[in-house]
Protein backbone atom coordinates (compact mmCIF):
# COMPACT_ATOMS: atom_id res chain seq x y z
CA MET A 1 26.61 -13.92 16.15
CA SER A 2 24.15 -16.61 18.10
CA ALA A 3 22.68 -19.55 16.17
CA PRO A 4 19.26 -18.54 14.39
CA GLU A 5 16.44 -19.63 16.87
CA LEU A 6 14.44 -21.27 13.99
CA THR A 7 16.55 -23.45 11.78
CA ARG A 8 15.23 -25.37 8.99
CA LEU A 9 17.66 -26.50 6.06
CA VAL A 10 16.39 -27.18 3.00
CA LYS A 11 18.51 -28.52 -0.12
CA PRO A 12 17.64 -27.16 -3.59
CA ARG A 13 18.79 -30.44 -5.23
CA ALA A 14 16.15 -32.26 -3.01
CA LEU A 15 12.98 -30.18 -2.64
CA PRO A 16 10.04 -31.88 -0.91
CA ALA A 17 7.56 -32.62 -3.51
CA GLU A 18 4.60 -31.76 -1.26
CA PRO A 19 4.07 -28.68 0.71
CA MET A 20 6.38 -28.32 4.11
CA ILE A 21 4.71 -27.47 7.12
CA ILE A 22 6.95 -26.07 9.49
CA GLU A 23 5.77 -25.91 13.23
CA ALA A 24 8.25 -24.15 15.87
CA SER A 25 8.48 -25.96 18.84
CA GLU A 26 7.81 -24.42 22.36
CA GLU A 27 11.59 -23.43 22.95
CA GLU A 28 12.05 -21.87 19.41
CA ARG A 29 8.74 -19.82 19.97
CA ALA A 30 10.44 -18.61 23.13
CA ALA A 31 13.54 -17.90 21.66
CA LEU A 32 11.87 -15.86 18.85
CA ALA A 33 10.17 -14.01 21.06
CA LYS A 34 13.03 -12.94 23.27
CA ARG A 35 14.97 -11.97 19.83
CA PHE A 36 11.69 -9.68 18.73
CA ALA A 37 11.04 -8.37 22.47
CA VAL A 38 7.47 -9.60 22.52
CA THR A 39 5.92 -11.27 25.69
CA SER A 40 5.51 -14.83 23.88
CA ILE A 41 4.85 -16.06 20.71
CA PRO A 42 2.08 -18.96 21.54
CA ALA A 43 1.56 -20.13 17.96
CA LEU A 44 3.92 -20.05 14.65
CA THR A 45 3.45 -22.29 11.72
CA ALA A 46 4.36 -21.99 7.81
CA LYS A 47 2.95 -23.89 4.89
CA VAL A 48 5.82 -23.61 2.05
CA GLU A 49 5.63 -25.00 -1.48
CA PHE A 50 8.83 -25.09 -3.56
CA GLY A 51 9.34 -24.44 -7.04
CA THR A 52 12.39 -23.58 -9.20
CA ARG A 53 13.20 -20.96 -11.61
CA ASP A 54 16.92 -21.00 -13.16
CA GLU A 55 18.95 -21.39 -10.24
CA ALA A 56 16.66 -19.86 -8.03
CA VAL A 57 14.55 -21.97 -5.52
CA LEU A 58 11.14 -20.41 -5.17
CA ALA A 59 9.52 -20.61 -1.61
CA ASN A 60 5.50 -19.64 -1.49
CA GLY A 61 3.30 -20.19 1.25
CA THR A 62 1.60 -18.65 4.16
CA LEU A 63 2.92 -18.17 7.91
CA THR A 64 0.21 -17.86 10.66
CA ALA A 65 1.06 -16.76 14.47
CA THR A 66 -0.09 -15.74 17.41
CA ILE A 67 1.89 -12.85 19.05
CA GLU A 68 1.33 -11.63 22.62
CA GLN A 69 3.01 -8.36 23.69
CA PRO A 70 2.41 -5.17 26.01
CA CYS A 71 0.18 -2.61 24.56
CA VAL A 72 2.37 0.55 23.73
CA VAL A 73 0.03 2.67 25.65
CA THR A 74 -1.00 0.65 28.94
CA ARG A 75 1.99 -1.77 28.83
CA GLU A 76 -0.74 -4.53 29.50
CA ASP A 77 -0.28 -7.94 27.49
CA LEU A 78 -2.70 -8.20 24.56
CA SER A 79 -2.77 -10.93 21.65
CA TYR A 80 -3.53 -11.18 18.25
CA GLU A 81 -2.90 -13.23 15.15
CA VAL A 82 -0.82 -12.64 12.04
CA GLU A 83 -1.20 -14.15 8.67
CA GLU A 84 1.68 -13.47 6.05
CA PRO A 85 2.23 -14.36 2.73
CA LEU A 86 5.66 -15.86 2.00
CA ALA A 87 7.21 -15.54 -1.33
CA LEU A 88 10.61 -16.35 -1.03
CA ARG A 89 13.63 -16.64 -3.57
CA PHE A 90 16.80 -18.51 -2.75
CA VAL A 91 19.51 -17.95 -4.60
CA PRO A 92 23.11 -19.27 -4.63
CA ALA A 93 25.53 -16.76 -3.18
CA GLY A 94 27.51 -14.74 -5.94
CA SER A 95 24.48 -14.83 -8.25
CA LEU A 96 23.02 -11.49 -7.80
CA PRO A 97 24.49 -8.35 -9.77
CA GLU A 98 26.84 -6.13 -7.59
CA HIS A 99 26.28 -2.59 -7.37
CA ALA A 100 28.30 0.21 -6.40
CA PRO A 101 27.34 1.58 -2.83
CA ASP A 102 25.46 4.50 -4.32
CA GLU A 103 24.42 3.39 -7.26
CA GLU A 104 20.64 3.89 -7.74
CA ILE A 105 18.95 0.44 -8.98
CA GLU A 106 15.31 -0.56 -9.60
CA LEU A 107 13.77 -3.40 -7.87
CA ASP A 108 10.90 -5.39 -9.26
CA SER A 109 8.60 -7.42 -6.88
CA GLU A 110 10.56 -10.53 -7.60
CA ASP A 111 13.57 -9.09 -6.27
CA LEU A 112 12.30 -7.88 -2.95
CA ASP A 113 12.54 -11.03 -1.09
CA GLU A 114 15.70 -12.64 -2.70
CA ILE A 115 17.96 -14.33 -0.24
CA GLU A 116 21.27 -15.51 -0.97
CA TYR A 117 22.79 -18.67 0.31
CA GLU A 118 26.19 -20.44 0.48
CA GLY A 119 26.68 -24.49 0.36
CA ASP A 120 24.26 -26.80 -0.13
CA SER A 121 21.20 -25.74 1.68
CA PHE A 122 19.35 -22.80 2.90
CA ASP A 123 17.94 -21.80 5.77
CA LEU A 124 14.26 -21.77 5.38
CA GLY A 125 13.36 -21.44 9.25
CA GLU A 126 15.48 -17.94 9.59
CA ALA A 127 13.49 -16.45 6.45
CA ILE A 128 10.41 -17.79 8.22
CA ALA A 129 11.80 -15.82 11.50
CA GLN A 130 12.44 -12.52 9.51
CA THR A 131 9.19 -12.68 7.96
CA LEU A 132 7.37 -13.02 11.55
CA ALA A 133 9.66 -9.72 12.56
CA LEU A 134 8.36 -7.64 9.87
CA ALA A 135 4.72 -8.70 10.63
CA ILE A 136 4.87 -7.61 14.53
CA ASP A 137 3.29 -4.43 14.96
CA PRO A 138 5.46 -2.55 17.23
CA TYR A 139 2.83 0.31 18.03
CA ARG A 140 -0.18 -2.19 18.67
CA GLU A 141 -2.72 -0.88 21.22
CA GLY A 142 -5.07 -2.81 23.41
CA TYR A 143 -8.63 -1.83 24.20
CA GLY A 144 -7.72 0.35 27.00
CA ALA A 145 -5.68 2.66 25.19
CA ASP A 146 -7.92 5.26 24.31
CA GLU A 147 -9.23 5.47 28.32
CA ALA A 148 -5.74 5.77 29.19
CA ARG A 149 -4.77 8.55 27.07
CA ARG A 150 -7.77 10.49 28.07
CA LYS A 151 -7.03 9.83 31.92
CA ALA A 152 -3.60 11.09 31.18
CA GLY A 153 -4.89 14.10 29.49
CA ILE A 154 -3.15 13.15 25.96
CA VAL A 155 -4.99 14.46 22.87
CA SER A 156 -4.60 13.08 19.55
CA ASP A 157 -3.46 15.14 16.53
CA GLU A 158 -6.89 15.55 15.05
CA GLU A 159 -8.11 16.75 18.32
CA GLN A 160 -5.37 19.33 18.91
CA VAL A 161 -6.21 22.80 18.39
CA PRO A 162 -3.07 24.51 16.88
CA SER A 163 -1.55 27.29 18.76
CA GLY A 164 1.36 29.75 18.65
CA PRO A 165 2.57 32.54 16.42
CA LEU A 166 2.37 30.54 13.12
CA ALA A 167 -1.08 29.23 13.98
CA GLU A 168 -2.06 32.77 14.85
CA ALA A 169 -0.79 34.06 11.59
CA LEU A 170 -2.47 31.04 9.37
CA ALA A 171 -5.76 31.78 11.07
CA ALA A 172 -5.29 35.48 10.34
CA LEU A 173 -4.60 34.90 6.42
CA LYS A 174 -7.38 32.49 6.49
CA GLY A 175 -9.68 35.28 8.12
CA LYS A 176 -8.76 37.59 4.88
CA ASP A 177 -10.01 35.00 2.67
CA ASP A 178 -13.57 34.96 4.06
């Protein structure tokens, strides 16, 4: 496994009192763009405030980024802004309950972004990178997408007229109700 592209180690015993500003360097953004298969990430910043609850470190803030990627239809590059809230909870390894592989469990909102760490620090940068990955829209369309579909003769599901034996049978049933 390769090293994380965006590493920012934070020690739970020495949490910053002021909000932490994380700005990804040009090299880090280029590596993340390659990892997430987008053209580029021209900007990536996160502002994070820390707190604690029991053994957990709470990291709350906002991630902002600019993403450049190909339109899913035309393949022409498009650019858009992303702003995502960060609500992460870092817990020491082994502090999460063990569950059987097929056991059904219920999660509350606090459990959703719980990240275990080992040693005396956790990697806030990798958590930010994973949040960014979830914010990237793999089906993003640019301004020329509708025109490209029209030229290719592709119609949307809403415009498509049902056809075939099942559609004919349904139409016949609907005709009896009138």
